[in-house]
C-alpha atoms as a PDB file:
ATOM      1  CA  MET A   1      20.528  -3.584   8.047  1.00  0.00           C
ATOM      2  CA  PRO A   2      23.366  -5.863   6.433  1.00  0.00           C
ATOM      3  CA  SER A   3      23.636  -6.440   3.356  1.00  0.00           C
ATOM      4  CA  THR A   4      24.348 -10.125   1.905  1.00  0.00           C
ATOM      5  CA  ARG A   5      25.962 -11.022  -1.434  1.00  0.00           C
ATOM      6  CA  THR A   6      23.858 -12.748  -3.709  1.00  0.00           C
ATOM      7  CA  LEU A   7      24.110 -14.086  -7.099  1.00  0.00           C
ATOM      8  CA  ILE A   8      21.823 -14.597  -9.581  1.00  0.00           C
ATOM      9  CA  THR A   9      21.424 -15.956 -13.434  1.00  0.00           C
ATOM     10  CA  LEU A  10      20.026 -13.651 -16.018  1.00  0.00           C
ATOM     11  CA  PRO A  11      19.128 -14.135 -19.764  1.00  0.00           C
ATOM     12  CA  ALA A  12      21.945 -11.886 -21.615  1.00  0.00           C
ATOM     13  CA  GLU A  13      19.508  -9.967 -22.873  1.00  0.00           C
ATOM     14  CA  ASP A  14      18.450  -8.561 -19.217  1.00  0.00           C
ATOM     15  CA  LYS A  15      21.578  -8.492 -18.280  1.00  0.00           C
ATOM     16  CA  ARG A  16      22.822  -6.161 -21.407  1.00  0.00           C
ATOM     17  CA  TRP A  17      19.632  -3.910 -20.721  1.00  0.00           C
ATOM     18  CA  LEU A  18      20.419  -3.717 -17.021  1.00  0.00           C
ATOM     19  CA  ILE A  19      23.845  -2.484 -17.627  1.00  0.00           C
ATOM     20  CA  ASP A  20      22.678  -0.223 -19.951  1.00  0.00           C
ATOM     21  CA  TYR A  21      20.261   1.249 -17.836  1.00  0.00           C
ATOM     22  CA  SER A  22      22.970   1.144 -14.891  1.00  0.00           C
ATOM     23  CA  ARG A  23      24.962   3.455 -17.344  1.00  0.00           C
ATOM     24  CA  THR A  24      22.337   5.690 -18.540  1.00  0.00           C
ATOM     25  CA  HIS A  25      21.408   6.655 -14.682  1.00  0.00           C
ATOM     26  CA  GLY A  26      25.349   6.164 -13.468  1.00  0.00           C
ATOM     27  CA  ILE A  27      24.561   3.360 -10.777  1.00  0.00           C
ATOM     28  CA  SER A  28      26.332  -0.006 -10.290  1.00  0.00           C
ATOM     29  CA  LEU A  29      24.392  -2.881 -11.472  1.00  0.00           C
ATOM     30  CA  ALA A  30      23.808  -4.148  -7.626  1.00  0.00           C
ATOM     31  CA  GLU A  31      21.934  -0.344  -7.242  1.00  0.00           C
ATOM     32  CA  ALA A  32      20.063  -0.915 -10.286  1.00  0.00           C
ATOM     33  CA  VAL A  33      18.730  -4.542  -8.898  1.00  0.00           C
ATOM     34  CA  ARG A  34      18.116  -3.198  -5.378  1.00  0.00           C
ATOM     35  CA  ARG A  35      15.993  -0.260  -7.347  1.00  0.00           C
ATOM     36  CA  GLY A  36      14.267  -2.570  -9.039  1.00  0.00           C
ATOM     37  CA  ILE A  37      13.260  -4.872  -5.993  1.00  0.00           C
ATOM     38  CA  HIS A  38      12.225  -1.907  -4.162  1.00  0.00           C
ATOM     39  CA  ASN A  39       9.626  -1.172  -6.693  1.00  0.00           C
ATOM     40  CA  LEU A  40       8.613  -4.538  -6.944  1.00  0.00           C
ATOM     41  CA  LYS A  41       7.834  -4.562  -3.354  1.00  0.00           C
ATOM     42  CA  LEU A  42       5.923  -0.951  -3.478  1.00  0.00           C
ATOM     43  CA  SER A  43       3.956  -2.612  -6.147  1.00  0.00           C
ATOM     44  CA  GLU A  44       3.369  -5.471  -4.410  1.00  0.00           C
ATOM     45  CA  ARG A  45       1.533  -3.507  -1.564  1.00  0.00           C
ATOM     46  CA  GLN A  46      -0.306  -1.724  -3.706  1.00  0.00           C
ATOM     47  CA  ASN A  47      -1.588  -5.077  -5.182  1.00  0.00           C
ATOM     48  CA  LEU A  48      -2.448  -6.635  -2.055  1.00  0.00           C
ATOM     49  CA  TYR A  49      -4.121  -2.997  -1.123  1.00  0.00           C
ATOM     50  CA  ALA A  50      -6.501  -3.047  -3.585  1.00  0.00           C
ATOM     51  CA  ALA A  51      -7.069  -6.774  -3.539  1.00  0.00           C
ATOM     52  CA  LEU A  52      -8.292  -6.095   0.233  1.00  0.00           C
ATOM     53  CA  ILE A  53     -10.151  -3.604  -0.701  1.00  0.00           C
ATOM     54  CA  LYS A  54     -12.049  -5.282  -2.996  1.00  0.00           C
ATOM     55  CA  ARG A  55     -12.469  -8.204  -1.579  1.00  0.00           C
ATOM     56  CA  THR A  56     -13.675  -6.295   1.575  1.00  0.00           C
ATOM     57  CA  ARG A  57     -15.731  -3.883  -0.695  1.00  0.00           C
ATOM     58  CA  GLY A  58     -19.448  -4.520   0.792  1.00  0.00           C
ATOM     59  CA  LEU A  59     -19.199  -6.067   3.683  1.00  0.00           C
ATOM     60  CA  TRP A  60     -20.800  -3.530   5.788  1.00  0.00           C
ATOM     61  CA  GLN A  61     -24.292  -3.988   7.203  1.00  0.00           C
ATOM     62  CA  LYS A  62     -24.971  -1.831   9.464  1.00  0.00           C
ATOM     63  CA  GLY A  63     -26.562   0.945   7.304  1.00  0.00           C
ATOM     64  CA  ASP A  64     -24.655   4.534   6.787  1.00  0.00           C
ATOM     65  CA  GLU A  65     -20.962   4.485   8.226  1.00  0.00           C
ATOM     66  CA  LEU A  66     -20.202   7.652   8.495  1.00  0.00           C
ATOM     67  CA  LYS A  67     -23.012   7.984  10.865  1.00  0.00           C
ATOM     68  CA  TYR A  68     -21.849   4.601  12.730  1.00  0.00           C
ATOM     69  CA  GLN A  69     -18.266   6.449  12.961  1.00  0.00           C
ATOM     70  CA  LYS A  70     -19.589   9.346  14.288  1.00  0.00           C
ATOM     71  CA  LYS A  71     -21.827   7.860  16.937  1.00  0.00           C
ATOM     72  CA  ILE A  72     -19.191   5.381  17.660  1.00  0.00           C
ATOM     73  CA  ARG A  73     -16.490   8.471  18.469  1.00  0.00           C
ATOM     74  CA  ALA A  74     -19.018  10.127  20.142  1.00  0.00           C
ATOM     75  CA  GLU A  75     -19.653   7.605  22.817  1.00  0.00           C
ATOM     76  CA  TRP A  76     -15.868   7.852  23.078  1.00  0.00           C
ATOM     77  CA  ASN A  77     -16.035  11.693  24.044  1.00  0.00           C
ATOM     78  CA  GLY A  78     -18.918  11.380  26.063  1.00  0.00           C
ATOM     79  CA  ALA A  79     -21.130  12.938  23.576  1.00  0.00           C
ATOM     80  CA  LEU A  80     -24.779  12.080  21.614  1.00  0.00           C
ATOM     81  CA  PHE A  81     -24.814  11.783  18.134  1.00  0.00           C
ATOM     82  CA  CYS A  82     -28.213  11.458  16.300  1.00  0.00           C
ATOM     83  CA  GLY A  83     -28.023   9.742  13.395  1.00  0.00           C
ATOM     84  CA  SER A  84     -31.369  10.731  12.130  1.00  0.00           C
ATOM     85  CA  SER A  85     -30.842  13.925  12.067  1.00  0.00           C
ATOM     86  CA  ASN A  86     -27.401  14.201  11.636  1.00  0.00           C
ATOM     87  CA  GLN A  87     -26.771  16.415  14.988  1.00  0.00           C
ATOM     88  CA  TRP A  88     -24.769  16.127  17.940  1.00  0.00           C
ATOM     89  CA  PHE A  89     -27.124  16.239  21.377  1.00  0.00           C
ATOM     90  CA  CYS A  90     -30.463  15.894  20.271  1.00  0.00           C
END
């Protein structure tokens, strides 16, 4: 993926921190910013996933979801699953 040059404005304290971080880790300022953006994107993805799980919790209203999954998957294979006895080919 091609890169583009971007000009950003930072508070002096943040720039000093970024310089110190870069020197400590032996990387350029640009690499430190790239890593920071990468970590921010990962964090946001995890936050979105957690929010989706929280929003959809409790939506399933058809009983035991594992038994339902097994029944549906059995239909794909042409098998029968008895949810009440939790066995194949009742």
